Protein backbone atom coordinates (compact mmCIF):
# COMPACT_ATOMS: atom_id res chain seq x y z
CA MET A 1 110.96 -2.00 -12.05
CA PHE A 2 109.75 -5.23 -10.46
CA SER A 3 106.50 -6.93 -11.47
CA VAL A 4 104.48 -9.95 -10.38
CA ILE A 5 101.44 -11.47 -12.06
CA ARG A 6 98.62 -13.37 -10.37
CA GLU A 7 96.13 -15.27 -12.51
CA ILE A 8 92.47 -15.43 -11.50
CA HIS A 9 90.19 -18.00 -13.18
CA PHE A 10 86.44 -17.47 -13.48
CA SER A 11 83.48 -18.41 -15.66
CA TYR A 12 81.14 -15.84 -17.15
CA GLY A 13 78.64 -15.27 -19.90
CA HIS A 14 78.10 -12.24 -22.09
CA ARG A 15 77.23 -11.10 -25.55
CA VAL A 16 78.62 -8.31 -27.65
CA LEU A 17 75.54 -6.38 -28.70
CA GLY A 18 75.67 -5.55 -32.41
CA HIS A 19 78.33 -8.14 -33.25
CA LYS A 20 77.49 -9.84 -36.57
CA GLY A 21 79.16 -13.16 -35.69
CA PRO A 22 78.63 -15.71 -32.92
CA CYS A 23 79.78 -13.25 -30.22
CA GLY A 24 76.49 -11.43 -30.77
CA TYR A 25 74.66 -14.34 -29.11
CA LEU A 26 74.59 -15.18 -25.42
CA HIS A 27 77.58 -17.42 -24.75
CA GLY A 28 80.04 -18.25 -22.01
CA HIS A 29 83.76 -18.38 -21.33
CA ASN A 30 86.13 -19.94 -18.88
CA GLY A 31 88.21 -16.82 -18.59
CA ARG A 32 91.32 -15.89 -16.75
CA ALA A 33 92.54 -12.50 -15.71
CA GLN A 34 96.24 -11.87 -15.32
CA ILE A 35 96.79 -9.04 -12.87
CA GLU A 36 100.23 -7.44 -13.11
CA VAL A 37 101.38 -5.28 -10.20
CA SER A 38 104.67 -3.41 -10.23
CA SER A 39 106.95 -1.39 -8.02
CA ALA A 40 110.36 0.22 -8.29
CA THR A 41 111.17 -1.10 -4.82
CA LEU A 42 110.47 -4.25 -2.86
CA ASP A 43 108.84 -4.48 0.56
CA GLU A 44 110.45 -5.75 3.77
CA LEU A 45 109.94 -9.36 2.57
CA ASN A 46 111.65 -8.58 -0.76
CA MET A 47 108.32 -8.70 -2.65
CA VAL A 48 106.35 -6.32 -4.88
CA VAL A 49 103.23 -7.59 -3.13
CA ASP A 50 102.26 -10.98 -1.75
CA PHE A 51 100.39 -13.07 -4.35
CA ALA A 52 97.80 -13.82 -1.65
CA LYS A 53 96.98 -10.10 -1.37
CA ILE A 54 96.19 -9.95 -5.09
CA LYS A 55 93.89 -12.96 -4.72
CA GLU A 56 92.24 -11.56 -1.57
CA THR A 57 91.55 -8.14 -3.12
CA ILE A 58 90.89 -8.14 -6.86
CA GLY A 59 90.50 -11.92 -6.97
CA SER A 60 87.67 -11.75 -4.44
CA TRP A 61 86.06 -8.89 -6.36
CA ILE A 62 86.19 -10.86 -9.63
CA LYS A 63 84.65 -13.91 -7.94
CA ALA A 64 81.87 -11.81 -6.37
CA HIS A 65 81.06 -9.68 -9.44
CA PHE A 66 81.93 -11.68 -12.57
CA ASP A 67 82.16 -15.39 -11.73
CA HIS A 68 79.13 -17.34 -12.96
CA ARG A 69 77.38 -14.12 -13.95
CA MET A 70 75.93 -12.94 -17.24
CA ILE A 71 77.61 -9.63 -18.10
CA LEU A 72 75.49 -7.41 -20.34
CA TRP A 73 75.63 -3.82 -21.57
CA SER A 74 73.09 -1.40 -20.10
CA GLN A 75 71.74 -0.93 -23.65
CA ASP A 76 71.08 -4.66 -24.02
CA PRO A 77 67.33 -5.30 -23.52
CA LEU A 78 68.03 -8.81 -22.20
CA HIS A 79 69.54 -7.59 -18.95
CA GLN A 80 66.10 -6.59 -17.62
CA VAL A 81 64.50 -9.87 -18.70
CA LEU A 82 67.21 -11.95 -17.06
CA LYS A 83 67.13 -9.89 -13.85
CA GLN A 84 63.35 -10.32 -13.64
CA ALA A 85 63.86 -14.07 -14.02
CA GLY A 86 66.21 -14.01 -11.02
CA GLU A 87 69.39 -14.63 -13.01
CA PRO A 88 72.69 -13.15 -11.78
CA VAL A 89 73.34 -10.31 -14.22
CA VAL A 90 76.04 -7.65 -14.17
CA VAL A 91 75.16 -4.53 -16.15
CA THR A 92 78.06 -2.55 -17.61
CA GLU A 93 78.25 0.95 -19.04
CA GLU A 94 80.10 -0.35 -22.12
CA ASN A 95 79.55 -3.29 -24.44
CA PRO A 96 81.17 -6.13 -22.42
CA THR A 97 84.01 -7.00 -24.76
CA ALA A 98 87.21 -8.54 -23.44
CA GLU A 99 88.77 -5.09 -23.72
CA ALA A 100 86.04 -3.48 -21.61
CA LEU A 101 86.21 -6.22 -18.97
CA ALA A 102 90.00 -5.90 -18.73
CA LYS A 103 89.54 -2.17 -18.15
CA LEU A 104 86.89 -2.74 -15.46
CA ILE A 105 89.15 -5.17 -13.59
CA TYR A 106 92.08 -2.75 -13.87
CA GLN A 107 90.03 0.16 -12.51
CA GLU A 108 88.73 -1.92 -9.62
CA ALA A 109 92.25 -3.10 -8.74
CA LYS A 110 93.34 0.56 -8.63
CA ARG A 111 90.36 1.40 -6.42
CA LEU A 112 91.43 -1.44 -4.11
CA GLN A 113 94.86 0.24 -3.94
CA LEU A 114 96.84 -2.44 -5.70
CA PRO A 115 99.81 -1.06 -7.67
CA VAL A 116 98.33 -2.58 -10.84
CA THR A 117 100.10 -1.81 -14.09
CA LYS A 118 98.30 -4.11 -16.51
CA VAL A 119 95.39 -6.52 -16.77
CA ILE A 120 95.19 -9.19 -19.45
CA LEU A 121 91.85 -10.93 -19.86
CA TRP A 122 91.95 -14.27 -21.66
CA GLU A 123 88.52 -15.11 -23.11
CA THR A 124 89.75 -18.32 -24.65
CA GLU A 125 93.08 -20.13 -24.59
CA ASN A 126 94.17 -18.23 -27.70
CA SER A 127 92.37 -14.86 -27.49
CA CYS A 128 93.00 -12.09 -25.00
CA ALA A 129 92.74 -8.34 -24.50
CA SER A 130 94.72 -6.09 -22.19
CA TYR A 131 94.36 -2.74 -20.49
CA HIS A 132 96.98 -0.47 -18.94
CA GLU A 133 97.37 3.27 -18.51
């Protein structure tokens, strides 16, 4: 099996509703998503997929949907307040933990027909979460 990984950098804010520590407050991250795509065979250029294709597909989606956005759970009452104030808010169906965001990126990469096998979301330089099927 061959694999390549493209890293996408973006900034976002969130809070983990119900968290008893500092993650329960609105805060931001300079995150990076590592998108792993794999294939048993290589294409005519001897590649799994061109790195540019990963950037153009899931990278563009991340920039459009997560970059410089506040990501809040649908149960978080602040999402309505921030939207009414004209702030860029993304509302998720799950508490927006690193794990949940990695899963969302993975699912979107699949929808965009990338042969994604794993997504690792780095919230900080020493903390990350991953999702794969």
